[in-house]
C-alpha atoms as a PDB file:
ATOM      1  CA  MET A   1      -0.092  -0.086   0.093  1.00  0.00           C
ATOM      2  CA  THR A   2       1.544   3.637  -0.798  1.00  0.00           C
ATOM      3  CA  SER A   3      -1.171   5.649   0.629  1.00  0.00           C
ATOM      4  CA  ARG A   4      -3.684   5.011   3.691  1.00  0.00           C
ATOM      5  CA  VAL A   5      -5.843   7.599   4.391  1.00  0.00           C
ATOM      6  CA  THR A   6      -6.718   7.333   8.204  1.00  0.00           C
ATOM      7  CA  PRO A   7     -11.346   7.687   8.930  1.00  0.00           C
ATOM      8  CA  ALA A   8     -12.678   9.868  11.084  1.00  0.00           C
ATOM      9  CA  TYR A   9     -13.609   9.141  13.759  1.00  0.00           C
ATOM     10  CA  PRO A  10     -17.175   9.910  14.024  1.00  0.00           C
ATOM     11  CA  GLU A  11     -19.211  12.244  16.267  1.00  0.00           C
ATOM     12  CA  LEU A  12     -21.649   9.900  16.966  1.00  0.00           C
ATOM     13  CA  ALA A  13     -19.275   6.757  18.324  1.00  0.00           C
ATOM     14  CA  ARG A  14     -17.186   9.126  20.805  1.00  0.00           C
ATOM     15  CA  LYS A  15     -20.128  10.372  21.759  1.00  0.00           C
ATOM     16  CA  MET A  16     -22.012   6.518  23.051  1.00  0.00           C
ATOM     17  CA  HIS A  17     -17.369   5.119  23.565  1.00  0.00           C
ATOM     18  CA  VAL A  18     -18.819   2.685  20.440  1.00  0.00           C
ATOM     19  CA  GLN A  19     -15.106   0.689  19.322  1.00  0.00           C
ATOM     20  CA  GLY A  20     -14.277  -1.847  17.394  1.00  0.00           C
ATOM     21  CA  THR A  21     -13.344  -3.604  14.449  1.00  0.00           C
ATOM     22  CA  VAL A  22     -14.986  -2.831  10.478  1.00  0.00           C
ATOM     23  CA  ARG A  23     -13.501  -4.744   7.175  1.00  0.00           C
ATOM     24  CA  ILE A  24     -14.270  -3.905   4.363  1.00  0.00           C
ATOM     25  CA  GLU A  25     -13.298  -5.745   1.022  1.00  0.00           C
ATOM     26  CA  ALA A  26     -12.081  -2.799  -1.980  1.00  0.00           C
ATOM     27  CA  VAL A  27     -11.793  -3.682  -4.962  1.00  0.00           C
ATOM     28  CA  VAL A  28      -8.095  -2.500  -6.703  1.00  0.00           C
ATOM     29  CA  ARG A  29      -7.483  -1.747 -10.086  1.00  0.00           C
ATOM     30  CA  PRO A  30      -4.349  -2.223 -11.799  1.00  0.00           C
ATOM     31  CA  ASN A  31      -3.594   1.865 -11.981  1.00  0.00           C
ATOM     32  CA  GLY A  32      -3.827   0.698  -7.365  1.00  0.00           C
ATOM     33  CA  THR A  33      -6.771   3.197  -7.011  1.00  0.00           C
ATOM     34  CA  VAL A  34      -9.911   1.338  -4.953  1.00  0.00           C
ATOM     35  CA  LYS A  35     -11.989   1.040  -7.632  1.00  0.00           C
ATOM     36  CA  SER A  36     -15.469  -0.767  -5.155  1.00  0.00           C
ATOM     37  CA  THR A  37     -15.917  -1.213  -1.744  1.00  0.00           C
ATOM     38  CA  ARG A  38     -18.025  -4.062  -0.165  1.00  0.00           C
ATOM     39  CA  VAL A  39     -18.136  -4.386   3.885  1.00  0.00           C
ATOM     40  CA  LEU A  40     -17.535  -7.403   5.708  1.00  0.00           C
ATOM     41  CA  GLY A  41     -18.631  -6.561   9.334  1.00  0.00           C
ATOM     42  CA  GLY A  42     -19.300  -3.993  11.606  1.00  0.00           C
ATOM     43  CA  ASN A  43     -20.748  -1.357  13.967  1.00  0.00           C
ATOM     44  CA  PRO A  44     -22.685   0.623  11.801  1.00  0.00           C
ATOM     45  CA  VAL A  45     -21.975   3.915  13.736  1.00  0.00           C
ATOM     46  CA  LEU A  46     -18.311   3.137  11.952  1.00  0.00           C
ATOM     47  CA  ILE A  47     -18.946   1.667   9.636  1.00  0.00           C
ATOM     48  CA  GLU A  48     -19.887   4.749   6.236  1.00  0.00           C
ATOM     49  CA  SER A  49     -15.958   6.444   7.813  1.00  0.00           C
ATOM     50  CA  ALA A  50     -14.498   3.574   7.902  1.00  0.00           C
ATOM     51  CA  SER A  51     -15.868   2.691   3.940  1.00  0.00           C
ATOM     52  CA  ASP A  52     -15.498   6.489   3.117  1.00  0.00           C
ATOM     53  CA  ALA A  53     -11.166   6.061   4.388  1.00  0.00           C
ATOM     54  CA  VAL A  54     -10.848   2.948   2.185  1.00  0.00           C
ATOM     55  CA  LYS A  55     -12.151   4.891  -0.784  1.00  0.00           C
ATOM     56  CA  GLN A  56      -9.213   6.945  -0.680  1.00  0.00           C
ATOM     57  CA  TRP A  57      -6.342   4.500   0.024  1.00  0.00           C
ATOM     58  CA  LYS A  58      -3.269   4.158  -2.564  1.00  0.00           C
ATOM     59  CA  PHE A  59      -2.462   0.430  -3.796  1.00  0.00           C
ATOM     60  CA  GLU A  60       1.166  -0.849  -5.388  1.00  0.00           C
ATOM     61  CA  PRO A  61       0.353  -1.243  -8.673  1.00  0.00           C
ATOM     62  CA  ALA A  62      -0.563  -3.957 -10.528  1.00  0.00           C
ATOM     63  CA  PRO A  63      -0.550  -6.443 -13.824  1.00  0.00           C
ATOM     64  CA  SER A  64      -4.369  -6.784 -13.142  1.00  0.00           C
ATOM     65  CA  GLU A  65      -7.391  -5.428 -10.214  1.00  0.00           C
ATOM     66  CA  THR A  66      -7.450  -7.382  -7.095  1.00  0.00           C
ATOM     67  CA  THR A  67      -9.341  -7.538  -3.941  1.00  0.00           C
ATOM     68  CA  GLU A  68      -8.119  -6.748  -0.340  1.00  0.00           C
ATOM     69  CA  VAL A  69      -9.591  -7.378   2.434  1.00  0.00           C
ATOM     70  CA  VAL A  70      -8.353  -4.217   5.540  1.00  0.00           C
ATOM     71  CA  GLN A  71     -10.054  -3.791   8.256  1.00  0.00           C
ATOM     72  CA  LEU A  72     -10.213  -0.589   9.800  1.00  0.00           C
ATOM     73  CA  THR A  73     -10.178  -0.557  14.526  1.00  0.00           C
ATOM     74  CA  PHE A  74     -11.800   2.184  16.691  1.00  0.00           C
ATOM     75  CA  ALA A  75      -9.938   2.937  19.898  1.00  0.00           C
ATOM     76  CA  SER A  76     -12.208   5.204  22.207  1.00  0.00           C
ATOM     77  CA  GLN A  77     -10.390   8.797  22.097  1.00  0.00           C
ATOM     78  CA  THR A  78     -11.296   9.402  25.597  1.00  0.00           C
END
């Protein structure tokens, strides 16, 4: 991976002290940009932020389209 955007901790999650991990499947184009994402699991309050961040990631170029499964962990920042 060449560039990784850290997801924003949603304000609602912060207020509710929600923590957890979100698993996302990313389809990566040969040029390394993310074509699409699909949520595999995680707290609904955290999913949108995680998905938005992964869509901005850049991966190493590859000969063909690839699929990557990534995990993003949100820890309470109190």
